[in-house]
Amino acid sequence: MKTWNPKASDESTAKWWLADANGKNVGRIATEIAKVLRGKHKPTFTPNVDMGDFVVVINSKNVEFTGRKWENKKYYQRSRYFGSLKEATAAQLREKNPNSIVLSAVQGMLPKSKLGRRLINKLKVYEGGEHPHFAQKPEALNI
C-alpha cells in the first residue's frame, strides 16, 4: 500500500475566515489564526505544503495584553545599517500602527522559511470593523 501525500494543487479551495479581535488577548487570538493559516485544522494537514486558509482580522486596535505589557513589551525594527535599531513599546505601536501587533504575533508562530513567508500573506489585518473582503464570504472564526 502506498502512502498518499497531498500536494498544493490538491487543495484548490481555500476558505476565508473572519476573526474579531475586539477585547481578545493577542496571544490567544494569534495561536488560533496561526493554526488556520497553517492548515492544522484540516485532516489533510501536511507540514511542508501550504494547506491553510485566508484569515481576515478586524478591530485590531482593540486587542488586549495581560499584565503590564503595554508599557514593558518592546518591539524592535532594524535595517542592517549601523545605528538603525528602532524600539517602540506596545502602547506606542498601538498608536502608530495597531495592525502590526497582531501581525508580528502571528508571524512569530509561523515557520521561518519560504512557507512561512507565503502563509503570512494570507493574513489580512484591519484596525476598524470594516474590511473589503465581503465578496469572499468569510465565515466567523470562533476564538
C-alpha atoms as a PDB file:
ATOM      1  CA  MET A   1       0.000   0.000   0.000  1.00  0.00           C
ATOM      2  CA  LYS A   2       1.321   3.400  -0.957  1.00  0.00           C
ATOM      3  CA  THR A   3       1.158   6.460   1.303  1.00  0.00           C
ATOM      4  CA  TRP A   4      -0.737   9.410  -0.118  1.00  0.00           C
ATOM      5  CA  ASN A   5       0.927  12.804   0.276  1.00  0.00           C
ATOM      6  CA  PRO A   6      -1.189  15.814  -0.621  1.00  0.00           C
ATOM      7  CA  LYS A   7       0.236  18.496  -2.874  1.00  0.00           C
ATOM      8  CA  ALA A   8      -0.604  22.183  -3.000  1.00  0.00           C
ATOM      9  CA  SER A   9      -2.562  21.603  -6.207  1.00  0.00           C
ATOM     10  CA  ASP A  10      -4.821  19.071  -4.446  1.00  0.00           C
ATOM     11  CA  GLU A  11      -6.159  21.742  -2.097  1.00  0.00           C
ATOM     12  CA  SER A  12      -7.690  24.175  -4.556  1.00  0.00           C
ATOM     13  CA  THR A  13     -10.408  25.756  -2.408  1.00  0.00           C
ATOM     14  CA  ALA A  14      -9.099  27.848   0.439  1.00  0.00           C
ATOM     15  CA  LYS A  15     -11.780  29.140   2.785  1.00  0.00           C
ATOM     16  CA  TRP A  16     -11.918  32.642   4.194  1.00  0.00           C
ATOM     17  CA  TRP A  17     -12.323  33.193   7.936  1.00  0.00           C
ATOM     18  CA  LEU A  18     -13.239  36.388   9.830  1.00  0.00           C
ATOM     19  CA  ALA A  19     -11.746  36.893  13.298  1.00  0.00           C
ATOM     20  CA  ASP A  20     -12.923  39.726  15.535  1.00  0.00           C
ATOM     21  CA  ALA A  21     -10.085  40.787  17.855  1.00  0.00           C
ATOM     22  CA  ASN A  22     -12.214  43.161  19.932  1.00  0.00           C
ATOM     23  CA  GLY A  23     -11.221  42.702  23.589  1.00  0.00           C
ATOM     24  CA  LYS A  24      -9.263  39.485  22.970  1.00  0.00           C
ATOM     25  CA  ASN A  25      -5.747  38.724  24.202  1.00  0.00           C
ATOM     26  CA  VAL A  26      -3.107  38.961  21.486  1.00  0.00           C
ATOM     27  CA  GLY A  27      -1.506  35.583  22.153  1.00  0.00           C
ATOM     28  CA  ARG A  28      -4.795  33.696  22.329  1.00  0.00           C
ATOM     29  CA  ILE A  29      -6.042  35.071  19.032  1.00  0.00           C
ATOM     30  CA  ALA A  30      -2.628  34.660  17.353  1.00  0.00           C
ATOM     31  CA  THR A  31      -2.457  30.922  18.112  1.00  0.00           C
ATOM     32  CA  GLU A  32      -5.857  30.264  16.551  1.00  0.00           C
ATOM     33  CA  ILE A  33      -5.049  32.386  13.499  1.00  0.00           C
ATOM     34  CA  ALA A  34      -1.678  30.656  13.010  1.00  0.00           C
ATOM     35  CA  LYS A  35      -3.383  27.256  13.226  1.00  0.00           C
ATOM     36  CA  VAL A  36      -5.860  28.199  10.476  1.00  0.00           C
ATOM     37  CA  LEU A  37      -3.197  29.833   8.288  1.00  0.00           C
ATOM     38  CA  ARG A  38      -1.038  26.732   8.546  1.00  0.00           C
ATOM     39  CA  GLY A  39      -3.940  24.354   7.830  1.00  0.00           C
ATOM     40  CA  LYS A  40      -3.644  22.334  11.032  1.00  0.00           C
ATOM     41  CA  HIS A  41      -7.430  22.292  11.423  1.00  0.00           C
ATOM     42  CA  LYS A  42      -7.786  20.139   8.293  1.00  0.00           C
ATOM     43  CA  PRO A  43      -7.468  16.350   8.226  1.00  0.00           C
ATOM     44  CA  THR A  44      -5.159  16.566   5.203  1.00  0.00           C
ATOM     45  CA  PHE A  45      -2.528  18.676   7.015  1.00  0.00           C
ATOM     46  CA  THR A  46       0.976  18.263   5.644  1.00  0.00           C
ATOM     47  CA  PRO A  47       3.852  20.183   7.281  1.00  0.00           C
ATOM     48  CA  ASN A  48       5.673  21.080   4.068  1.00  0.00           C
ATOM     49  CA  VAL A  49       2.654  22.120   1.951  1.00  0.00           C
ATOM     50  CA  ASP A  50       0.589  25.308   2.089  1.00  0.00           C
ATOM     51  CA  MET A  51      -2.808  23.824   3.002  1.00  0.00           C
ATOM     52  CA  GLY A  52      -4.053  26.831   5.010  1.00  0.00           C
ATOM     53  CA  ASP A  53      -6.949  29.220   4.625  1.00  0.00           C
ATOM     54  CA  PHE A  54      -7.198  33.003   4.461  1.00  0.00           C
ATOM     55  CA  VAL A  55      -7.917  34.956   7.667  1.00  0.00           C
ATOM     56  CA  VAL A  56      -9.312  38.485   7.961  1.00  0.00           C
ATOM     57  CA  VAL A  57      -8.820  40.143  11.370  1.00  0.00           C
ATOM     58  CA  ILE A  58     -10.921  43.178  12.276  1.00  0.00           C
ATOM     59  CA  ASN A  59     -10.753  45.533  15.292  1.00  0.00           C
ATOM     60  CA  SER A  60      -7.012  45.081  15.786  1.00  0.00           C
ATOM     61  CA  LYS A  61      -6.793  48.372  17.684  1.00  0.00           C
ATOM     62  CA  ASN A  62      -8.921  46.895  20.497  1.00  0.00           C
ATOM     63  CA  VAL A  63      -6.712  43.906  21.352  1.00  0.00           C
ATOM     64  CA  GLU A  64      -5.650  43.365  24.953  1.00  0.00           C
ATOM     65  CA  PHE A  65      -2.462  42.367  26.733  1.00  0.00           C
ATOM     66  CA  THR A  66      -2.292  40.858  30.193  1.00  0.00           C
ATOM     67  CA  GLY A  67      -0.279  42.456  32.975  1.00  0.00           C
ATOM     68  CA  ARG A  68       1.858  45.492  32.223  1.00  0.00           C
ATOM     69  CA  LYS A  69       2.823  44.509  28.689  1.00  0.00           C
ATOM     70  CA  TRP A  70       1.560  47.789  27.217  1.00  0.00           C
ATOM     71  CA  GLU A  71       4.448  49.572  28.962  1.00  0.00           C
ATOM     72  CA  ASN A  72       7.045  46.784  29.211  1.00  0.00           C
ATOM     73  CA  LYS A  73       6.786  44.848  25.922  1.00  0.00           C
ATOM     74  CA  LYS A  74       9.209  46.148  23.298  1.00  0.00           C
ATOM     75  CA  TYR A  75       9.082  45.794  19.533  1.00  0.00           C
ATOM     76  CA  TYR A  76      12.341  46.182  17.604  1.00  0.00           C
ATOM     77  CA  GLN A  77      12.895  47.116  13.987  1.00  0.00           C
ATOM     78  CA  ARG A  78      16.179  47.437  12.173  1.00  0.00           C
ATOM     79  CA  SER A  79      17.831  47.519   8.821  1.00  0.00           C
ATOM     80  CA  ARG A  80      21.363  46.198   8.544  1.00  0.00           C
ATOM     81  CA  TYR A  81      22.997  49.594   8.823  1.00  0.00           C
ATOM     82  CA  PHE A  82      24.800  50.671  11.974  1.00  0.00           C
ATOM     83  CA  GLY A  83      22.668  52.642  14.385  1.00  0.00           C
ATOM     84  CA  SER A  84      19.404  51.728  12.695  1.00  0.00           C
ATOM     85  CA  LEU A  85      17.804  49.919  15.643  1.00  0.00           C
ATOM     86  CA  LYS A  86      14.395  51.385  16.489  1.00  0.00           C
ATOM     87  CA  GLU A  87      12.476  50.449  19.604  1.00  0.00           C
ATOM     88  CA  ALA A  88       8.814  51.002  20.489  1.00  0.00           C
ATOM     89  CA  THR A  89       6.632  49.856  23.346  1.00  0.00           C
ATOM     90  CA  ALA A  90       3.338  48.111  22.679  1.00  0.00           C
ATOM     91  CA  ALA A  91       1.409  51.258  23.644  1.00  0.00           C
ATOM     92  CA  GLN A  92       3.411  53.378  21.177  1.00  0.00           C
ATOM     93  CA  LEU A  93       2.923  50.798  18.454  1.00  0.00           C
ATOM     94  CA  ARG A  94      -0.844  50.722  19.075  1.00  0.00           C
ATOM     95  CA  GLU A  95      -0.983  54.469  18.462  1.00  0.00           C
ATOM     96  CA  LYS A  96       1.188  54.293  15.342  1.00  0.00           C
ATOM     97  CA  ASN A  97       0.165  51.020  13.666  1.00  0.00           C
ATOM     98  CA  PRO A  98      -2.150  48.677  15.626  1.00  0.00           C
ATOM     99  CA  ASN A  99      -2.177  46.114  12.806  1.00  0.00           C
ATOM    100  CA  SER A 100       1.492  45.302  13.330  1.00  0.00           C
ATOM    101  CA  ILE A 101       0.872  43.999  16.874  1.00  0.00           C
ATOM    102  CA  VAL A 102      -1.366  41.192  15.613  1.00  0.00           C
ATOM    103  CA  LEU A 103       0.756  40.677  12.509  1.00  0.00           C
ATOM    104  CA  SER A 104       4.013  40.225  14.440  1.00  0.00           C
ATOM    105  CA  ALA A 105       2.364  37.900  16.984  1.00  0.00           C
ATOM    106  CA  VAL A 106       1.059  35.615  14.240  1.00  0.00           C
ATOM    107  CA  GLN A 107       4.286  35.810  12.236  1.00  0.00           C
ATOM    108  CA  GLY A 108       6.237  34.622  15.273  1.00  0.00           C
ATOM    109  CA  MET A 109       4.116  31.454  15.364  1.00  0.00           C
ATOM    110  CA  LEU A 110       4.621  30.531  11.708  1.00  0.00           C
ATOM    111  CA  PRO A 111       7.647  28.717  10.242  1.00  0.00           C
ATOM    112  CA  LYS A 112      10.699  30.823   9.475  1.00  0.00           C
ATOM    113  CA  SER A 113      11.036  29.699   5.850  1.00  0.00           C
ATOM    114  CA  LYS A 114       9.615  30.249   2.377  1.00  0.00           C
ATOM    115  CA  LEU A 115       6.440  28.548   3.538  1.00  0.00           C
ATOM    116  CA  GLY A 116       6.027  30.959   6.455  1.00  0.00           C
ATOM    117  CA  ARG A 117       6.518  33.972   4.199  1.00  0.00           C
ATOM    118  CA  ARG A 118       3.844  32.605   1.864  1.00  0.00           C
ATOM    119  CA  LEU A 119       1.452  31.935   4.744  1.00  0.00           C
ATOM    120  CA  ILE A 120       1.722  35.413   6.286  1.00  0.00           C
ATOM    121  CA  ASN A 121       0.448  36.879   3.002  1.00  0.00           C
ATOM    122  CA  LYS A 122      -2.850  35.081   3.634  1.00  0.00           C
ATOM    123  CA  LEU A 123      -3.449  37.204   6.737  1.00  0.00           C
ATOM    124  CA  LYS A 124      -5.353  40.472   6.298  1.00  0.00           C
ATOM    125  CA  VAL A 125      -5.484  42.758   9.365  1.00  0.00           C
ATOM    126  CA  TYR A 126      -7.684  45.877   9.729  1.00  0.00           C
ATOM    127  CA  GLU A 127      -7.900  48.227  12.690  1.00  0.00           C
ATOM    128  CA  GLY A 128     -11.603  49.019  12.338  1.00  0.00           C
ATOM    129  CA  GLY A 129     -14.682  46.870  11.955  1.00  0.00           C
ATOM    130  CA  GLU A 130     -14.787  47.240   8.155  1.00  0.00           C
ATOM    131  CA  HIS A 131     -12.979  45.119   5.600  1.00  0.00           C
ATOM    132  CA  PRO A 132     -13.104  44.896   1.773  1.00  0.00           C
ATOM    133  CA  HIS A 133     -13.382  41.087   1.588  1.00  0.00           C
ATOM    134  CA  PHE A 134     -17.180  40.701   1.512  1.00  0.00           C
ATOM    135  CA  ALA A 135     -17.081  39.012  -1.909  1.00  0.00           C
ATOM    136  CA  GLN A 136     -15.147  36.064  -0.439  1.00  0.00           C
ATOM    137  CA  LYS A 137     -17.927  35.487   2.153  1.00  0.00           C
ATOM    138  CA  PRO A 138     -15.710  34.908   5.188  1.00  0.00           C
ATOM    139  CA  GLU A 139     -17.079  32.678   7.955  1.00  0.00           C
ATOM    140  CA  ALA A 140     -16.761  33.647  11.619  1.00  0.00           C
ATOM    141  CA  LEU A 141     -13.749  32.149  13.377  1.00  0.00           C
ATOM    142  CA  ASN A 142     -14.628  31.260  16.968  1.00  0.00           C
ATOM    143  CA  ILE A 143     -11.832  32.300  19.316  1.00  0.00           C
END
